[in-house]
Amino acid sequence: MRKTSHNTLFTIQYTVVHRFIQNFVQKQENYNYTLELTETTIISNKRSFKLDNLFDISYKPFTNGQGFLYLHTNEGLFSFVISSDPTQFIKACRALISH
């Protein structure tokens, strides 16, 4: 995680795994994207989540060092596979949604 521009408070990388069959063999491609936390929104590669619509954010680690970062929203639960420690991202997000 790093602090970037004045609009983006924190970022964290996540991975999207695409599995497909090619010539009767299952293959996998991994794509890395960035979640951006601003003062009002969390932005992913496909959508944005207004913090007003966010109830909570949580993390469930795996034994391999990765884990799921969960966004609990009024539209449902959204998960992101991450490989780095999300503690600062979660703390900053919770501080913003508690106001």
N, C-alpha and C. Protein backbone atom coordinates (compact mmCIF):
# COMPACT_ATOMS: atom_id res chain seq x y z
N MET A 1 0.83 -1.17 0.00
CA MET A 1 0.00 0.00 0.00
C MET A 1 0.88 1.23 0.00
N ARG A 2 0.38 2.25 -0.68
CA ARG A 2 1.15 3.48 -0.70
C ARG A 2 0.20 4.66 -0.74
N LYS A 3 0.65 5.74 -0.22
CA LYS A 3 -0.12 6.97 -0.30
C LYS A 3 0.26 7.64 -1.61
N THR A 4 -0.74 8.08 -2.39
CA THR A 4 -0.43 8.65 -3.69
C THR A 4 -0.89 10.11 -3.74
N SER A 5 -1.68 10.47 -4.72
CA SER A 5 -2.07 11.86 -4.95
C SER A 5 -3.00 12.36 -3.85
N HIS A 6 -3.35 13.64 -3.93
CA HIS A 6 -4.20 14.26 -2.91
C HIS A 6 -5.61 13.69 -2.90
N ASN A 7 -6.10 13.14 -3.99
CA ASN A 7 -7.44 12.56 -4.03
C ASN A 7 -7.45 11.11 -3.55
N THR A 8 -6.40 10.39 -3.81
CA THR A 8 -6.32 8.99 -3.40
C THR A 8 -5.60 8.91 -2.06
N LEU A 9 -6.32 8.37 -1.06
CA LEU A 9 -5.73 8.26 0.27
C LEU A 9 -4.84 7.03 0.40
N PHE A 10 -5.35 5.87 -0.07
CA PHE A 10 -4.58 4.62 -0.02
C PHE A 10 -4.93 3.79 -1.24
N THR A 11 -4.01 2.91 -1.59
CA THR A 11 -4.27 1.92 -2.64
C THR A 11 -3.83 0.56 -2.15
N ILE A 12 -4.42 -0.47 -2.73
CA ILE A 12 -4.00 -1.83 -2.46
C ILE A 12 -4.23 -2.64 -3.73
N GLN A 13 -3.29 -3.51 -4.05
CA GLN A 13 -3.42 -4.33 -5.26
C GLN A 13 -4.26 -5.56 -4.98
N TYR A 14 -5.05 -5.96 -6.00
CA TYR A 14 -5.81 -7.20 -5.93
C TYR A 14 -5.66 -7.94 -7.24
N THR A 15 -5.96 -9.23 -7.20
CA THR A 15 -5.78 -10.10 -8.36
C THR A 15 -7.12 -10.68 -8.78
N VAL A 16 -7.35 -10.67 -10.09
CA VAL A 16 -8.52 -11.34 -10.66
C VAL A 16 -8.00 -12.53 -11.46
N VAL A 17 -8.53 -13.71 -11.16
CA VAL A 17 -8.10 -14.95 -11.83
C VAL A 17 -9.15 -15.31 -12.89
N HIS A 18 -8.70 -15.48 -14.13
CA HIS A 18 -9.57 -15.95 -15.21
C HIS A 18 -9.13 -17.36 -15.60
N ARG A 19 -10.06 -18.29 -15.47
CA ARG A 19 -9.79 -19.68 -15.86
C ARG A 19 -10.55 -19.97 -17.14
N PHE A 20 -9.92 -20.75 -18.02
CA PHE A 20 -10.56 -21.08 -19.29
C PHE A 20 -10.00 -22.40 -19.81
N ILE A 21 -10.71 -22.98 -20.73
CA ILE A 21 -10.28 -24.23 -21.37
C ILE A 21 -9.77 -23.91 -22.77
N GLN A 22 -8.58 -24.42 -23.06
CA GLN A 22 -8.00 -24.25 -24.39
C GLN A 22 -7.38 -25.57 -24.81
N ASN A 23 -7.84 -26.11 -25.92
CA ASN A 23 -7.35 -27.40 -26.41
C ASN A 23 -7.49 -28.48 -25.34
N PHE A 24 -8.65 -28.50 -24.67
CA PHE A 24 -8.99 -29.49 -23.65
C PHE A 24 -8.10 -29.42 -22.41
N VAL A 25 -7.46 -28.28 -22.20
CA VAL A 25 -6.60 -28.07 -21.03
C VAL A 25 -7.08 -26.82 -20.30
N GLN A 26 -7.26 -26.94 -18.98
CA GLN A 26 -7.64 -25.76 -18.21
C GLN A 26 -6.42 -24.87 -18.03
N LYS A 27 -6.60 -23.59 -18.34
CA LYS A 27 -5.53 -22.60 -18.18
C LYS A 27 -6.01 -21.50 -17.27
N GLN A 28 -5.06 -20.72 -16.79
CA GLN A 28 -5.38 -19.66 -15.85
C GLN A 28 -4.55 -18.43 -16.18
N GLU A 29 -5.18 -17.27 -16.18
CA GLU A 29 -4.47 -16.01 -16.33
C GLU A 29 -4.81 -15.13 -15.14
N ASN A 30 -3.79 -14.50 -14.56
CA ASN A 30 -3.99 -13.61 -13.43
C ASN A 30 -3.81 -12.17 -13.90
N TYR A 31 -4.71 -11.31 -13.47
CA TYR A 31 -4.65 -9.89 -13.79
C TYR A 31 -4.61 -9.10 -12.49
N ASN A 32 -3.66 -8.18 -12.39
CA ASN A 32 -3.52 -7.35 -11.19
C ASN A 32 -4.13 -5.98 -11.42
N TYR A 33 -4.90 -5.54 -10.45
CA TYR A 33 -5.55 -4.24 -10.49
C TYR A 33 -5.34 -3.54 -9.15
N THR A 34 -5.80 -2.32 -9.04
CA THR A 34 -5.63 -1.54 -7.83
C THR A 34 -6.98 -1.05 -7.31
N LEU A 35 -7.20 -1.24 -6.00
CA LEU A 35 -8.32 -0.61 -5.32
C LEU A 35 -7.82 0.73 -4.80
N GLU A 36 -8.56 1.79 -5.08
CA GLU A 36 -8.20 3.12 -4.60
C GLU A 36 -9.21 3.58 -3.58
N LEU A 37 -8.74 4.07 -2.46
CA LEU A 37 -9.59 4.66 -1.44
C LEU A 37 -9.45 6.17 -1.52
N THR A 38 -10.58 6.85 -1.78
CA THR A 38 -10.61 8.31 -1.72
C THR A 38 -11.45 8.71 -0.52
N GLU A 39 -11.67 9.98 -0.34
CA GLU A 39 -12.46 10.45 0.81
C GLU A 39 -13.92 10.03 0.72
N THR A 40 -14.40 9.68 -0.49
CA THR A 40 -15.82 9.37 -0.67
C THR A 40 -16.10 8.03 -1.33
N THR A 41 -15.06 7.38 -1.89
CA THR A 41 -15.29 6.23 -2.76
C THR A 41 -14.15 5.24 -2.69
N ILE A 42 -14.49 3.96 -2.93
CA ILE A 42 -13.48 2.94 -3.22
C ILE A 42 -13.66 2.58 -4.70
N ILE A 43 -12.59 2.63 -5.46
CA ILE A 43 -12.66 2.43 -6.90
C ILE A 43 -11.88 1.18 -7.28
N SER A 44 -12.55 0.27 -8.03
CA SER A 44 -11.90 -0.93 -8.56
C SER A 44 -11.82 -0.80 -10.08
N ASN A 45 -11.36 -1.85 -10.74
CA ASN A 45 -11.24 -1.78 -12.20
C ASN A 45 -12.60 -1.79 -12.90
N LYS A 46 -13.64 -2.33 -12.26
CA LYS A 46 -14.95 -2.46 -12.90
C LYS A 46 -16.02 -1.54 -12.34
N ARG A 47 -15.88 -1.11 -11.08
CA ARG A 47 -16.93 -0.30 -10.48
C ARG A 47 -16.39 0.52 -9.33
N SER A 48 -17.23 1.41 -8.85
CA SER A 48 -16.85 2.19 -7.68
C SER A 48 -17.93 2.02 -6.62
N PHE A 49 -17.52 2.16 -5.37
CA PHE A 49 -18.38 1.96 -4.22
C PHE A 49 -18.35 3.24 -3.39
N LYS A 50 -19.47 3.92 -3.30
CA LYS A 50 -19.54 5.12 -2.45
C LYS A 50 -19.47 4.70 -0.99
N LEU A 51 -18.68 5.41 -0.22
CA LEU A 51 -18.52 5.07 1.19
C LEU A 51 -19.83 5.21 1.95
N ASP A 52 -20.74 6.05 1.47
CA ASP A 52 -22.07 6.16 2.08
C ASP A 52 -22.84 4.86 1.99
N ASN A 53 -22.52 4.02 1.00
CA ASN A 53 -23.20 2.74 0.78
C ASN A 53 -22.42 1.56 1.37
N LEU A 54 -21.34 1.83 2.05
CA LEU A 54 -20.48 0.79 2.61
C LEU A 54 -20.78 0.64 4.11
N PHE A 55 -21.16 -0.58 4.51
CA PHE A 55 -21.46 -0.85 5.92
C PHE A 55 -20.20 -1.22 6.69
N ASP A 56 -19.32 -2.01 6.05
CA ASP A 56 -18.11 -2.48 6.73
C ASP A 56 -17.12 -2.97 5.68
N ILE A 57 -15.90 -3.20 6.14
CA ILE A 57 -14.84 -3.79 5.32
C ILE A 57 -14.16 -4.81 6.22
N SER A 58 -13.86 -6.00 5.68
CA SER A 58 -13.23 -7.04 6.49
C SER A 58 -12.22 -7.81 5.65
N TYR A 59 -11.46 -8.66 6.34
CA TYR A 59 -10.39 -9.42 5.68
C TYR A 59 -10.35 -10.83 6.23
N LYS A 60 -10.23 -11.80 5.36
CA LYS A 60 -10.08 -13.21 5.73
C LYS A 60 -8.81 -13.74 5.07
N PRO A 61 -7.76 -14.03 5.86
CA PRO A 61 -6.51 -14.51 5.26
C PRO A 61 -6.56 -15.99 4.89
N PHE A 62 -5.76 -16.36 3.88
CA PHE A 62 -5.53 -17.75 3.50
C PHE A 62 -4.18 -18.16 4.07
N THR A 63 -3.91 -19.45 4.07
CA THR A 63 -2.61 -19.93 4.57
C THR A 63 -1.47 -19.63 3.60
N ASN A 64 -1.78 -19.34 2.33
CA ASN A 64 -0.73 -19.10 1.33
C ASN A 64 -0.26 -17.65 1.28
N GLY A 65 -0.73 -16.81 2.22
CA GLY A 65 -0.30 -15.41 2.24
C GLY A 65 -1.28 -14.47 1.57
N GLN A 66 -2.19 -14.99 0.80
CA GLN A 66 -3.23 -14.16 0.20
C GLN A 66 -4.45 -14.15 1.11
N GLY A 67 -5.46 -13.43 0.71
CA GLY A 67 -6.70 -13.41 1.46
C GLY A 67 -7.78 -12.66 0.71
N PHE A 68 -8.99 -12.72 1.25
CA PHE A 68 -10.12 -11.99 0.68
C PHE A 68 -10.34 -10.70 1.45
N LEU A 69 -10.40 -9.59 0.74
CA LEU A 69 -10.84 -8.33 1.30
C LEU A 69 -12.30 -8.19 0.90
N TYR A 70 -13.17 -8.05 1.89
CA TYR A 70 -14.61 -7.99 1.65
C TYR A 70 -15.13 -6.57 1.85
N LEU A 71 -15.92 -6.11 0.89
CA LEU A 71 -16.65 -4.86 1.03
C LEU A 71 -18.12 -5.22 1.27
N HIS A 72 -18.65 -4.82 2.42
CA HIS A 72 -20.03 -5.08 2.78
C HIS A 72 -20.83 -3.83 2.41
N THR A 73 -21.63 -3.92 1.34
CA THR A 73 -22.33 -2.74 0.83
C THR A 73 -23.84 -2.96 0.86
N ASN A 74 -24.58 -1.90 0.55
CA ASN A 74 -26.02 -2.02 0.45
C ASN A 74 -26.45 -2.76 -0.83
N GLU A 75 -25.51 -3.08 -1.71
CA GLU A 75 -25.79 -3.86 -2.92
C GLU A 75 -25.30 -5.30 -2.79
N GLY A 76 -24.73 -5.65 -1.66
CA GLY A 76 -24.24 -7.01 -1.45
C GLY A 76 -22.80 -7.02 -0.99
N LEU A 77 -22.23 -8.22 -1.00
CA LEU A 77 -20.86 -8.45 -0.55
C LEU A 77 -19.96 -8.58 -1.78
N PHE A 78 -18.86 -7.85 -1.80
CA PHE A 78 -17.91 -7.89 -2.91
C PHE A 78 -16.56 -8.31 -2.35
N SER A 79 -15.90 -9.26 -3.02
CA SER A 79 -14.63 -9.77 -2.52
C SER A 79 -13.51 -9.49 -3.51
N PHE A 80 -12.32 -9.30 -2.96
CA PHE A 80 -11.12 -9.03 -3.74
C PHE A 80 -9.99 -9.86 -3.16
N VAL A 81 -9.25 -10.58 -4.02
CA VAL A 81 -8.11 -11.38 -3.59
C VAL A 81 -6.90 -10.46 -3.51
N ILE A 82 -6.31 -10.37 -2.31
CA ILE A 82 -5.15 -9.51 -2.12
C ILE A 82 -3.98 -10.32 -1.56
N SER A 83 -2.77 -9.79 -1.75
CA SER A 83 -1.57 -10.48 -1.31
C SER A 83 -0.76 -9.68 -0.30
N SER A 84 -1.23 -8.49 0.04
CA SER A 84 -0.49 -7.67 0.99
C SER A 84 -1.34 -7.39 2.23
N ASP A 85 -0.71 -6.88 3.25
CA ASP A 85 -1.39 -6.59 4.52
C ASP A 85 -2.36 -5.42 4.33
N PRO A 86 -3.67 -5.64 4.54
CA PRO A 86 -4.65 -4.58 4.31
C PRO A 86 -4.96 -3.73 5.53
N THR A 87 -4.20 -3.86 6.61
CA THR A 87 -4.54 -3.22 7.87
C THR A 87 -4.74 -1.71 7.74
N GLN A 88 -3.79 -1.02 7.12
CA GLN A 88 -3.89 0.44 6.99
C GLN A 88 -5.04 0.85 6.08
N PHE A 89 -5.26 0.09 5.02
CA PHE A 89 -6.37 0.36 4.10
C PHE A 89 -7.70 0.23 4.85
N ILE A 90 -7.84 -0.84 5.63
CA ILE A 90 -9.07 -1.08 6.38
C ILE A 90 -9.28 0.00 7.45
N LYS A 91 -8.23 0.35 8.19
CA LYS A 91 -8.35 1.38 9.22
C LYS A 91 -8.78 2.71 8.62
N ALA A 92 -8.17 3.10 7.51
CA ALA A 92 -8.53 4.36 6.86
C ALA A 92 -9.96 4.33 6.36
N CYS A 93 -10.36 3.21 5.79
CA CYS A 93 -11.72 3.08 5.28
C CYS A 93 -12.74 3.13 6.42
N ARG A 94 -12.49 2.41 7.48
CA ARG A 94 -13.42 2.42 8.63
C ARG A 94 -13.51 3.80 9.27
N ALA A 95 -12.41 4.53 9.31
CA ALA A 95 -12.45 5.88 9.86
C ALA A 95 -13.35 6.78 9.01
N LEU A 96 -13.31 6.59 7.71
CA LEU A 96 -14.14 7.41 6.82
C LEU A 96 -15.61 7.03 6.88
N ILE A 97 -15.92 5.72 7.02
CA ILE A 97 -17.33 5.32 7.02
C ILE A 97 -17.98 5.53 8.37
N SER A 98 -17.20 5.77 9.41
CA SER A 98 -17.79 6.00 10.74
C SER A 98 -18.24 7.44 10.93
N HIS A 99 -17.84 8.32 10.02
CA HIS A 99 -18.23 9.74 10.15
C HIS A 99 -19.59 9.99 9.59
